[in-house]
N, C-alpha and C. Protein backbone atom coordinates (compact mmCIF):
# COMPACT_ATOMS: atom_id res chain seq x y z
N MET A 1 0.82 -1.20 0.00
CA MET A 1 0.00 0.00 0.00
C MET A 1 0.86 1.26 0.00
N LYS A 2 2.00 1.16 0.73
CA LYS A 2 2.87 2.33 0.80
C LYS A 2 3.55 2.60 -0.53
N ARG A 3 3.86 1.50 -1.23
CA ARG A 3 4.59 1.67 -2.47
C ARG A 3 3.80 2.45 -3.52
N PRO A 4 2.49 2.18 -3.78
CA PRO A 4 1.75 2.99 -4.76
C PRO A 4 1.62 4.45 -4.34
N VAL A 5 1.51 4.70 -3.03
CA VAL A 5 1.41 6.10 -2.57
C VAL A 5 2.71 6.84 -2.85
N LEU A 6 3.83 6.18 -2.59
CA LEU A 6 5.13 6.81 -2.87
C LEU A 6 5.31 7.04 -4.36
N HIS A 7 4.86 6.06 -5.15
CA HIS A 7 4.99 6.22 -6.61
C HIS A 7 4.14 7.43 -7.08
N LEU A 8 2.93 7.55 -6.53
CA LEU A 8 2.07 8.68 -6.89
C LEU A 8 2.71 10.01 -6.47
N TRP A 9 3.32 10.02 -5.29
CA TRP A 9 3.99 11.24 -4.79
C TRP A 9 5.16 11.63 -5.69
N ASP A 10 5.90 10.61 -6.13
CA ASP A 10 7.01 10.89 -7.05
C ASP A 10 6.52 11.51 -8.34
N GLN A 11 5.43 10.99 -8.86
CA GLN A 11 4.86 11.52 -10.10
C GLN A 11 4.40 12.97 -9.92
N LEU A 12 3.75 13.24 -8.79
CA LEU A 12 3.28 14.61 -8.53
C LEU A 12 4.45 15.58 -8.34
N SER A 13 5.49 15.14 -7.67
CA SER A 13 6.64 16.04 -7.43
C SER A 13 7.32 16.44 -8.72
N LEU A 14 7.22 15.59 -9.76
CA LEU A 14 7.80 15.96 -11.06
C LEU A 14 7.06 17.14 -11.67
N TYR A 15 5.74 17.17 -11.49
CA TYR A 15 4.93 18.23 -12.10
C TYR A 15 4.66 19.40 -11.16
N LEU A 16 5.12 19.30 -9.90
CA LEU A 16 4.83 20.34 -8.93
C LEU A 16 5.39 21.72 -9.34
N PRO A 17 6.66 21.84 -9.82
CA PRO A 17 7.15 23.16 -10.24
C PRO A 17 6.32 23.74 -11.37
N LEU A 18 5.92 22.89 -12.32
CA LEU A 18 5.11 23.37 -13.44
C LEU A 18 3.75 23.86 -12.96
N LEU A 19 3.15 23.12 -12.02
CA LEU A 19 1.86 23.55 -11.46
C LEU A 19 1.99 24.87 -10.70
N LEU A 20 3.07 25.01 -9.94
CA LEU A 20 3.28 26.26 -9.19
C LEU A 20 3.47 27.44 -10.13
N MET A 21 4.25 27.26 -11.20
CA MET A 21 4.47 28.34 -12.17
C MET A 21 3.17 28.73 -12.84
N GLY A 22 2.35 27.73 -13.18
CA GLY A 22 1.05 28.03 -13.78
C GLY A 22 0.16 28.79 -12.82
N PHE A 23 0.19 28.37 -11.55
CA PHE A 23 -0.62 29.06 -10.54
C PHE A 23 -0.17 30.51 -10.37
N MET A 24 1.16 30.74 -10.33
CA MET A 24 1.70 32.10 -10.17
C MET A 24 1.33 32.97 -11.39
N ALA A 25 1.40 32.38 -12.59
CA ALA A 25 1.02 33.14 -13.79
C ALA A 25 -0.44 33.53 -13.74
N LEU A 26 -1.29 32.61 -13.28
CA LEU A 26 -2.71 32.89 -13.16
C LEU A 26 -2.97 34.01 -12.15
N VAL A 27 -2.28 33.96 -11.01
CA VAL A 27 -2.43 35.01 -9.99
C VAL A 27 -1.94 36.35 -10.53
N SER A 28 -0.80 36.38 -11.24
CA SER A 28 -0.28 37.63 -11.81
C SER A 28 -1.27 38.22 -12.80
N TRP A 29 -1.82 37.37 -13.67
CA TRP A 29 -2.80 37.85 -14.66
C TRP A 29 -4.02 38.44 -13.95
N TRP A 30 -4.46 37.77 -12.89
CA TRP A 30 -5.62 38.26 -12.14
C TRP A 30 -5.32 39.61 -11.49
N LEU A 31 -4.10 39.77 -10.92
CA LEU A 31 -3.71 41.04 -10.28
C LEU A 31 -3.68 42.18 -11.29
N VAL A 32 -3.13 41.89 -12.46
CA VAL A 32 -3.07 42.93 -13.49
C VAL A 32 -4.47 43.35 -13.92
N ARG A 33 -5.38 42.39 -14.06
CA ARG A 33 -6.75 42.69 -14.50
C ARG A 33 -7.52 43.48 -13.44
N THR A 34 -7.28 43.17 -12.17
CA THR A 34 -8.08 43.81 -11.11
C THR A 34 -7.43 45.06 -10.52
N ALA A 35 -6.15 45.31 -10.82
CA ALA A 35 -5.46 46.48 -10.26
C ALA A 35 -6.06 47.75 -10.87
N PRO A 36 -6.10 48.85 -10.10
CA PRO A 36 -6.62 50.11 -10.66
C PRO A 36 -5.67 50.64 -11.73
N GLU A 37 -6.23 51.42 -12.65
CA GLU A 37 -5.42 51.99 -13.71
C GLU A 37 -4.42 52.97 -13.11
N PRO A 38 -3.24 53.08 -13.73
CA PRO A 38 -2.25 54.01 -13.19
C PRO A 38 -2.76 55.45 -13.23
N VAL A 39 -2.38 56.20 -12.22
CA VAL A 39 -2.81 57.60 -12.15
C VAL A 39 -2.13 58.37 -13.27
N ARG A 40 -2.94 59.04 -14.05
CA ARG A 40 -2.37 59.83 -15.12
C ARG A 40 -1.63 61.02 -14.53
N GLN A 41 -0.54 61.37 -15.20
CA GLN A 41 0.28 62.46 -14.69
C GLN A 41 -0.54 63.75 -14.67
N ALA A 42 -0.54 64.36 -13.51
CA ALA A 42 -1.32 65.60 -13.35
C ALA A 42 -0.74 66.67 -14.25
N ALA A 43 -1.61 67.46 -14.80
CA ALA A 43 -1.16 68.56 -15.64
C ALA A 43 -0.31 69.51 -14.81
N VAL A 44 0.76 69.98 -15.42
CA VAL A 44 1.67 70.88 -14.70
C VAL A 44 0.93 72.17 -14.39
N ALA A 45 0.89 72.47 -13.11
CA ALA A 45 0.19 73.68 -12.69
C ALA A 45 0.93 74.91 -13.19
N GLN A 46 0.18 75.89 -13.62
CA GLN A 46 0.81 77.11 -14.07
C GLN A 46 1.44 77.81 -12.88
N VAL A 47 2.70 78.20 -13.07
CA VAL A 47 3.43 78.85 -11.98
C VAL A 47 3.01 80.31 -11.94
N SER A 48 2.61 80.75 -10.79
CA SER A 48 2.17 82.12 -10.61
C SER A 48 3.37 83.02 -10.39
N ASP A 49 3.24 84.27 -10.81
CA ASP A 49 4.33 85.23 -10.59
C ASP A 49 4.16 85.92 -9.23
N GLU A 50 3.80 85.14 -8.24
CA GLU A 50 3.71 85.63 -6.87
C GLU A 50 5.02 85.31 -6.16
N PRO A 51 5.45 86.15 -5.22
CA PRO A 51 6.69 85.85 -4.50
C PRO A 51 6.57 84.57 -3.68
N ASP A 52 7.66 83.79 -3.66
CA ASP A 52 7.64 82.56 -2.86
C ASP A 52 8.16 82.79 -1.44
N TYR A 53 8.84 83.92 -1.21
CA TYR A 53 9.18 84.30 0.17
C TYR A 53 9.43 85.79 0.21
N SER A 54 9.36 86.34 1.40
CA SER A 54 9.62 87.78 1.59
C SER A 54 10.37 87.97 2.90
N LEU A 55 11.10 89.08 2.98
CA LEU A 55 11.87 89.45 4.16
C LEU A 55 11.47 90.85 4.58
N HIS A 56 11.50 91.11 5.89
CA HIS A 56 11.14 92.43 6.41
C HIS A 56 12.27 92.92 7.32
N GLN A 57 12.65 94.19 7.14
CA GLN A 57 13.70 94.81 7.96
C GLN A 57 14.90 93.87 8.08
N PHE A 58 15.55 93.59 6.96
CA PHE A 58 16.58 92.56 6.92
C PHE A 58 17.95 93.14 6.59
N SER A 59 18.97 92.35 6.85
CA SER A 59 20.33 92.64 6.39
C SER A 59 21.00 91.31 6.07
N VAL A 60 21.85 91.33 5.04
CA VAL A 60 22.55 90.14 4.58
C VAL A 60 24.02 90.49 4.45
N GLN A 61 24.90 89.61 4.93
CA GLN A 61 26.34 89.81 4.82
C GLN A 61 26.96 88.66 4.04
N GLN A 62 28.01 88.97 3.28
CA GLN A 62 28.75 87.95 2.53
C GLN A 62 30.22 88.09 2.90
N PHE A 63 30.87 86.94 3.19
CA PHE A 63 32.26 86.93 3.63
C PHE A 63 33.13 86.19 2.63
N ASP A 64 34.43 86.51 2.62
CA ASP A 64 35.36 85.77 1.75
C ASP A 64 35.88 84.54 2.50
N GLY A 65 36.78 83.79 1.85
CA GLY A 65 37.29 82.55 2.42
C GLY A 65 38.08 82.75 3.71
N GLN A 66 38.63 83.95 3.91
CA GLN A 66 39.40 84.24 5.13
C GLN A 66 38.54 84.86 6.23
N GLY A 67 37.25 84.99 5.97
CA GLY A 67 36.35 85.55 6.98
C GLY A 67 36.19 87.05 6.91
N GLY A 68 36.79 87.69 5.90
CA GLY A 68 36.64 89.13 5.74
C GLY A 68 35.30 89.49 5.13
N LEU A 69 34.71 90.57 5.61
CA LEU A 69 33.41 91.02 5.11
C LEU A 69 33.58 91.59 3.71
N ARG A 70 32.86 91.03 2.72
CA ARG A 70 32.97 91.48 1.33
C ARG A 70 31.80 92.37 0.93
N SER A 71 30.59 92.02 1.36
CA SER A 71 29.45 92.84 0.96
C SER A 71 28.33 92.73 1.98
N GLN A 72 27.49 93.76 2.00
CA GLN A 72 26.33 93.81 2.88
C GLN A 72 25.16 94.40 2.11
N MET A 73 23.95 94.00 2.48
CA MET A 73 22.74 94.57 1.90
C MET A 73 21.71 94.74 3.00
N TRP A 74 21.02 95.88 2.99
CA TRP A 74 19.95 96.15 3.93
C TRP A 74 18.71 96.54 3.13
N GLY A 75 17.55 96.34 3.72
CA GLY A 75 16.32 96.77 3.06
C GLY A 75 15.14 96.70 4.00
N GLU A 76 14.09 97.44 3.67
CA GLU A 76 12.86 97.40 4.48
C GLU A 76 12.06 96.14 4.18
N GLN A 77 11.99 95.78 2.91
CA GLN A 77 11.25 94.59 2.53
C GLN A 77 11.83 94.04 1.23
N ALA A 78 11.89 92.69 1.15
CA ALA A 78 12.38 92.03 -0.06
C ALA A 78 11.40 90.94 -0.45
N ARG A 79 11.26 90.75 -1.77
CA ARG A 79 10.37 89.72 -2.30
C ARG A 79 11.12 88.96 -3.39
N HIS A 80 11.07 87.63 -3.34
CA HIS A 80 11.71 86.80 -4.36
C HIS A 80 10.64 86.24 -5.29
N TYR A 81 10.85 86.45 -6.60
CA TYR A 81 9.91 85.97 -7.62
C TYR A 81 10.56 84.80 -8.36
N PRO A 82 10.09 83.57 -8.12
CA PRO A 82 10.76 82.39 -8.69
C PRO A 82 10.65 82.28 -10.20
N VAL A 83 9.56 82.78 -10.80
CA VAL A 83 9.41 82.66 -12.25
C VAL A 83 10.51 83.43 -12.96
N ARG A 84 10.76 84.66 -12.51
CA ARG A 84 11.81 85.48 -13.11
C ARG A 84 13.15 85.31 -12.41
N ASP A 85 13.15 84.65 -11.25
CA ASP A 85 14.34 84.45 -10.42
C ASP A 85 15.02 85.79 -10.11
N VAL A 86 14.22 86.73 -9.60
CA VAL A 86 14.75 88.04 -9.23
C VAL A 86 14.34 88.35 -7.79
N LEU A 87 15.14 89.21 -7.17
CA LEU A 87 14.87 89.69 -5.82
C LEU A 87 14.58 91.18 -5.93
N GLU A 88 13.44 91.59 -5.41
CA GLU A 88 13.03 93.00 -5.43
C GLU A 88 13.07 93.52 -4.00
N VAL A 89 13.78 94.63 -3.79
CA VAL A 89 14.01 95.14 -2.43
C VAL A 89 13.55 96.59 -2.35
N ASP A 90 12.78 96.91 -1.32
CA ASP A 90 12.36 98.29 -1.06
C ASP A 90 13.37 98.96 -0.12
N ALA A 91 13.66 100.24 -0.39
CA ALA A 91 14.61 101.02 0.42
C ALA A 91 15.92 100.25 0.58
N VAL A 92 16.51 99.92 -0.55
CA VAL A 92 17.71 99.09 -0.56
C VAL A 92 18.97 99.93 -0.33
N ARG A 93 19.91 99.35 0.41
CA ARG A 93 21.25 99.92 0.59
C ARG A 93 22.25 98.78 0.53
N THR A 94 23.37 98.99 -0.14
CA THR A 94 24.42 97.97 -0.21
C THR A 94 25.78 98.60 0.06
N ARG A 95 26.70 97.74 0.46
CA ARG A 95 28.10 98.15 0.67
C ARG A 95 28.97 96.96 0.29
N SER A 96 29.94 97.17 -0.59
CA SER A 96 30.86 96.09 -0.98
C SER A 96 32.29 96.60 -1.02
N VAL A 97 33.22 95.70 -0.71
CA VAL A 97 34.64 96.03 -0.66
C VAL A 97 35.34 95.32 -1.82
N GLY A 98 36.05 96.10 -2.64
CA GLY A 98 36.74 95.54 -3.79
C GLY A 98 38.09 94.94 -3.41
N GLU A 99 38.70 94.24 -4.38
CA GLU A 99 40.02 93.63 -4.17
C GLU A 99 41.07 94.68 -3.84
N ASP A 100 40.92 95.89 -4.43
CA ASP A 100 41.90 96.96 -4.21
C ASP A 100 41.61 97.77 -2.96
N GLY A 101 40.61 97.38 -2.19
CA GLY A 101 40.26 98.10 -0.97
C GLY A 101 39.24 99.20 -1.17
N SER A 102 38.83 99.42 -2.41
CA SER A 102 37.80 100.44 -2.66
C SER A 102 36.46 99.97 -2.11
N VAL A 103 35.64 100.92 -1.71
CA VAL A 103 34.33 100.63 -1.12
C VAL A 103 33.26 101.23 -2.02
N THR A 104 32.31 100.40 -2.43
CA THR A 104 31.20 100.87 -3.26
C THR A 104 29.90 100.74 -2.46
N THR A 105 29.16 101.84 -2.37
CA THR A 105 27.87 101.83 -1.67
C THR A 105 26.79 102.24 -2.66
N THR A 106 25.60 101.69 -2.48
CA THR A 106 24.47 102.04 -3.32
C THR A 106 23.25 102.26 -2.43
N SER A 107 22.30 103.04 -2.95
CA SER A 107 21.03 103.20 -2.26
C SER A 107 19.98 103.60 -3.29
N ALA A 108 18.73 103.22 -3.03
CA ALA A 108 17.62 103.57 -3.91
C ALA A 108 16.32 103.26 -3.19
N GLN A 109 15.23 103.81 -3.72
CA GLN A 109 13.92 103.50 -3.15
C GLN A 109 13.53 102.05 -3.44
N ARG A 110 14.01 101.54 -4.60
CA ARG A 110 13.70 100.15 -4.94
C ARG A 110 14.84 99.59 -5.77
N GLY A 111 15.19 98.34 -5.49
CA GLY A 111 16.24 97.67 -6.24
C GLY A 111 15.76 96.32 -6.73
N ILE A 112 16.22 95.92 -7.92
CA ILE A 112 15.90 94.61 -8.49
C ILE A 112 17.20 93.95 -8.89
N SER A 113 17.39 92.70 -8.41
CA SER A 113 18.63 91.98 -8.69
C SER A 113 18.32 90.59 -9.21
N ASN A 114 19.17 90.10 -10.13
CA ASN A 114 19.02 88.70 -10.56
C ASN A 114 19.62 87.80 -9.49
N SER A 115 19.59 86.48 -9.72
CA SER A 115 19.93 85.52 -8.66
C SER A 115 21.36 85.63 -8.15
N ASP A 116 22.32 85.95 -9.02
CA ASP A 116 23.71 86.02 -8.57
C ASP A 116 24.20 87.45 -8.38
N SER A 117 23.29 88.42 -8.40
CA SER A 117 23.59 89.85 -8.20
C SER A 117 24.55 90.40 -9.25
N SER A 118 24.62 89.76 -10.41
CA SER A 118 25.50 90.26 -11.47
C SER A 118 24.83 91.39 -12.26
N GLU A 119 23.51 91.51 -12.14
CA GLU A 119 22.77 92.59 -12.81
C GLU A 119 21.80 93.20 -11.82
N VAL A 120 21.94 94.50 -11.59
CA VAL A 120 21.14 95.19 -10.57
C VAL A 120 20.54 96.46 -11.17
N GLN A 121 19.27 96.69 -10.88
CA GLN A 121 18.61 97.93 -11.30
C GLN A 121 18.17 98.69 -10.06
N LEU A 122 18.49 99.97 -10.04
CA LEU A 122 18.13 100.84 -8.92
C LEU A 122 17.14 101.89 -9.42
N TRP A 123 16.01 102.02 -8.71
CA TRP A 123 14.94 102.94 -9.10
C TRP A 123 14.64 103.92 -7.97
N GLY A 124 14.47 105.19 -8.32
CA GLY A 124 14.05 106.20 -7.34
C GLY A 124 15.19 106.68 -6.46
N GLN A 125 15.66 107.89 -6.70
CA GLN A 125 16.78 108.48 -5.95
C GLN A 125 17.95 107.50 -5.87
N ALA A 126 18.28 106.94 -7.01
CA ALA A 126 19.36 105.95 -7.07
C ALA A 126 20.71 106.65 -6.93
N GLN A 127 21.60 105.97 -6.22
CA GLN A 127 22.92 106.55 -5.96
C GLN A 127 23.95 105.44 -5.86
N VAL A 128 25.08 105.64 -6.54
CA VAL A 128 26.22 104.72 -6.45
C VAL A 128 27.44 105.56 -6.11
N ARG A 129 28.12 105.23 -5.02
CA ARG A 129 29.34 105.96 -4.62
C ARG A 129 30.49 104.98 -4.51
N ARG A 130 31.62 105.34 -5.12
CA ARG A 130 32.84 104.53 -4.98
C ARG A 130 33.89 105.38 -4.27
N SER A 131 34.37 104.85 -3.14
CA SER A 131 35.44 105.51 -2.37
C SER A 131 36.70 104.68 -2.54
N TYR A 132 37.79 105.35 -2.84
CA TYR A 132 39.05 104.66 -3.13
C TYR A 132 39.92 104.58 -1.90
N ALA A 133 40.76 103.54 -1.87
CA ALA A 133 41.65 103.35 -0.72
C ALA A 133 42.72 104.44 -0.68
N LYS A 134 43.15 104.90 -1.86
CA LYS A 134 44.18 105.94 -1.91
C LYS A 134 43.55 107.29 -1.63
N ALA A 135 44.21 108.06 -0.77
CA ALA A 135 43.66 109.36 -0.36
C ALA A 135 43.65 110.37 -1.50
N ASP A 136 44.54 110.18 -2.51
CA ASP A 136 44.63 111.17 -3.59
C ASP A 136 43.55 110.96 -4.65
N GLN A 137 42.75 109.91 -4.53
CA GLN A 137 41.66 109.67 -5.48
C GLN A 137 40.34 110.08 -4.85
N PRO A 138 39.69 111.11 -5.40
CA PRO A 138 38.40 111.54 -4.82
C PRO A 138 37.30 110.53 -5.11
N ASP A 139 36.26 110.57 -4.29
CA ASP A 139 35.11 109.68 -4.47
C ASP A 139 34.43 109.96 -5.82
N LEU A 140 33.83 108.91 -6.37
CA LEU A 140 33.02 109.03 -7.58
C LEU A 140 31.57 108.78 -7.17
N LEU A 141 30.68 109.71 -7.51
CA LEU A 141 29.28 109.60 -7.12
C LEU A 141 28.40 109.69 -8.37
N LEU A 142 27.56 108.67 -8.59
CA LEU A 142 26.60 108.65 -9.69
C LEU A 142 25.21 108.76 -9.08
N GLN A 143 24.37 109.68 -9.59
CA GLN A 143 23.03 109.88 -9.06
C GLN A 143 22.02 110.01 -10.19
N GLY A 144 20.83 109.48 -9.97
CA GLY A 144 19.76 109.59 -10.96
C GLY A 144 18.53 108.87 -10.47
N GLU A 145 17.46 108.93 -11.27
CA GLU A 145 16.23 108.22 -10.91
C GLU A 145 16.31 106.74 -11.28
N PHE A 146 17.26 106.40 -12.17
CA PHE A 146 17.42 105.00 -12.57
C PHE A 146 18.88 104.75 -12.92
N LEU A 147 19.43 103.68 -12.34
CA LEU A 147 20.79 103.24 -12.66
C LEU A 147 20.76 101.73 -12.85
N HIS A 148 21.33 101.27 -13.95
CA HIS A 148 21.37 99.84 -14.29
C HIS A 148 22.83 99.42 -14.25
N ALA A 149 23.17 98.52 -13.32
CA ALA A 149 24.57 98.15 -13.11
C ALA A 149 24.81 96.68 -13.40
N TRP A 150 25.96 96.39 -14.02
CA TRP A 150 26.47 95.03 -14.21
C TRP A 150 27.71 94.94 -13.33
N THR A 151 27.58 94.27 -12.21
CA THR A 151 28.62 94.33 -11.18
C THR A 151 29.91 93.65 -11.59
N GLN A 152 29.84 92.52 -12.31
CA GLN A 152 31.07 91.82 -12.68
C GLN A 152 31.86 92.58 -13.74
N GLN A 153 31.16 93.20 -14.69
CA GLN A 153 31.85 94.01 -15.71
C GLN A 153 32.12 95.43 -15.23
N GLU A 154 31.57 95.79 -14.07
CA GLU A 154 31.72 97.13 -13.49
C GLU A 154 31.26 98.20 -14.48
N ARG A 155 30.05 98.00 -15.01
CA ARG A 155 29.44 98.97 -15.93
C ARG A 155 28.14 99.47 -15.34
N VAL A 156 27.84 100.75 -15.60
CA VAL A 156 26.59 101.37 -15.16
C VAL A 156 26.01 102.13 -16.35
N ARG A 157 24.69 101.99 -16.52
CA ARG A 157 24.01 102.65 -17.64
C ARG A 157 22.73 103.30 -17.12
N SER A 158 22.33 104.39 -17.75
CA SER A 158 21.03 104.98 -17.45
C SER A 158 20.49 105.67 -18.70
N HIS A 159 19.20 105.51 -18.94
CA HIS A 159 18.55 106.20 -20.06
C HIS A 159 17.84 107.46 -19.55
N LEU A 160 18.00 107.75 -18.25
CA LEU A 160 17.39 108.93 -17.65
C LEU A 160 18.50 109.90 -17.20
N PRO A 161 18.14 111.17 -16.93
CA PRO A 161 19.15 112.14 -16.53
C PRO A 161 19.95 111.69 -15.30
N VAL A 162 21.25 112.02 -15.33
CA VAL A 162 22.16 111.64 -14.25
C VAL A 162 23.03 112.83 -13.86
N VAL A 163 23.57 112.71 -12.65
CA VAL A 163 24.55 113.67 -12.15
C VAL A 163 25.77 112.88 -11.70
N ILE A 164 26.95 113.28 -12.17
CA ILE A 164 28.20 112.60 -11.79
C ILE A 164 29.07 113.62 -11.08
N THR A 165 29.55 113.24 -9.91
CA THR A 165 30.40 114.12 -9.12
C THR A 165 31.67 113.38 -8.77
N ARG A 166 32.81 114.06 -8.98
CA ARG A 166 34.10 113.49 -8.56
C ARG A 166 34.96 114.63 -8.05
N GLY A 167 35.20 114.57 -6.75
CA GLY A 167 35.91 115.69 -6.13
C GLY A 167 35.08 116.94 -6.27
N GLY A 168 35.68 118.00 -6.79
CA GLY A 168 34.94 119.25 -7.01
C GLY A 168 34.33 119.33 -8.40
N ASN A 169 34.49 118.33 -9.22
CA ASN A 169 33.98 118.34 -10.59
C ASN A 169 32.58 117.72 -10.63
N ARG A 170 31.75 118.29 -11.53
CA ARG A 170 30.36 117.82 -11.61
C ARG A 170 29.90 117.85 -13.06
N TRP A 171 29.25 116.76 -13.51
CA TRP A 171 28.72 116.66 -14.86
C TRP A 171 27.27 116.22 -14.80
N THR A 172 26.48 116.68 -15.76
CA THR A 172 25.09 116.23 -15.89
C THR A 172 24.84 115.85 -17.34
N GLY A 173 23.92 114.94 -17.53
CA GLY A 173 23.56 114.52 -18.89
C GLY A 173 22.20 113.85 -18.88
N ASN A 174 21.62 113.68 -20.07
CA ASN A 174 20.30 113.06 -20.19
C ASN A 174 20.36 111.54 -20.17
N ALA A 175 21.53 110.98 -20.42
CA ALA A 175 21.73 109.53 -20.39
C ALA A 175 23.22 109.28 -20.18
N MET A 176 23.56 108.05 -19.78
CA MET A 176 24.95 107.79 -19.41
C MET A 176 25.33 106.35 -19.69
N GLU A 177 26.59 106.15 -20.07
CA GLU A 177 27.23 104.84 -20.15
C GLU A 177 28.56 104.98 -19.42
N TYR A 178 28.78 104.15 -18.39
CA TYR A 178 30.03 104.22 -17.63
C TYR A 178 30.65 102.85 -17.54
N ASP A 179 31.91 102.74 -17.98
CA ASP A 179 32.68 101.49 -17.91
C ASP A 179 33.88 101.76 -17.01
N HIS A 180 33.81 101.25 -15.78
CA HIS A 180 34.87 101.53 -14.82
C HIS A 180 36.19 100.86 -15.20
N LEU A 181 36.14 99.63 -15.71
CA LEU A 181 37.38 98.93 -16.06
C LEU A 181 38.11 99.64 -17.20
N ALA A 182 37.36 100.15 -18.17
CA ALA A 182 37.97 100.87 -19.29
C ALA A 182 38.20 102.35 -18.95
N GLN A 183 37.67 102.80 -17.81
CA GLN A 183 37.77 104.20 -17.39
C GLN A 183 37.18 105.14 -18.45
N VAL A 184 35.98 104.77 -18.95
CA VAL A 184 35.31 105.56 -19.97
C VAL A 184 33.92 105.94 -19.47
N LEU A 185 33.64 107.24 -19.52
CA LEU A 185 32.33 107.76 -19.14
C LEU A 185 31.76 108.50 -20.35
N GLU A 186 30.57 108.10 -20.79
CA GLU A 186 29.92 108.74 -21.94
C GLU A 186 28.59 109.31 -21.49
N LEU A 187 28.44 110.62 -21.66
CA LEU A 187 27.19 111.31 -21.35
C LEU A 187 26.50 111.69 -22.65
N LYS A 188 25.18 111.59 -22.69
CA LYS A 188 24.43 111.88 -23.91
C LYS A 188 23.37 112.95 -23.63
N GLY A 189 22.88 113.55 -24.71
CA GLY A 189 21.85 114.57 -24.58
C GLY A 189 22.45 115.91 -24.20
N GLN A 190 21.76 116.68 -23.39
CA GLN A 190 22.27 117.97 -22.93
C GLN A 190 23.30 117.73 -21.84
N VAL A 191 24.55 117.90 -22.19
CA VAL A 191 25.64 117.62 -21.26
C VAL A 191 26.21 118.94 -20.75
N ARG A 192 26.36 119.01 -19.45
CA ARG A 192 26.97 120.20 -18.82
C ARG A 192 27.99 119.72 -17.81
N GLY A 193 29.04 120.51 -17.62
CA GLY A 193 30.07 120.14 -16.66
C GLY A 193 30.67 121.34 -15.98
N VAL A 194 31.09 121.13 -14.75
CA VAL A 194 31.81 122.15 -13.98
C VAL A 194 33.09 121.50 -13.50
N LEU A 195 34.23 122.04 -13.95
CA LEU A 195 35.53 121.50 -13.59
C LEU A 195 36.26 122.48 -12.70
N GLN A 196 36.78 121.99 -11.61
CA GLN A 196 37.56 122.82 -10.69
C GLN A 196 39.05 122.70 -11.05
N PRO A 197 39.76 123.81 -11.00
CA PRO A 197 41.20 123.72 -11.30
C PRO A 197 41.92 122.89 -10.25
N ARG A 198 42.95 122.18 -10.69
CA ARG A 198 43.72 121.36 -9.76
C ARG A 198 44.56 122.26 -8.86
N GLY A 199 44.63 121.86 -7.61
CA GLY A 199 45.47 122.62 -6.67
C GLY A 199 46.93 122.38 -6.97
N ARG A 200 47.75 123.40 -6.72
CA ARG A 200 49.19 123.28 -6.98
C ARG A 200 49.92 123.05 -5.70
């Protein structure tokens, strides 16, 4: 009696892997048929041009690798717009120290900067002052209702009237192009200047 049972078990064990594979295939097919349909990718929401963060009565400092203060910015309120990737600051003031020790300060009623501060626009009573480390070099002061600066190229442009003061000398014009690296200042429109004689 035991021998036929063992023989039957041997026969079944030969087909057991095949039966298990068939059972697993049947279960997989059933799961695929009964599973919910995949969620369709949601339509990309339109990005609003609303600020994603804002700051109030703030100041920001930037330091070099040795811990020296390189630049500072203050403002009453700042708003970051992610779509344009710009920072807009009310009552902005900045101060930066150059490699040669010169100090550049700016102020305006409103400032707009791109993400890396390589392009800055100053609106409303805009002012840029550069003070030199050497005592024999007088300060350079640029003033106007609008100044557009490229900080890495050290260029400033304005399509509105400007006043430039250096030492006792003063120039006015209806528009301006200033390239500090090339030491070239171009005034356009009605240009007037007052030059003081050099002291002996």
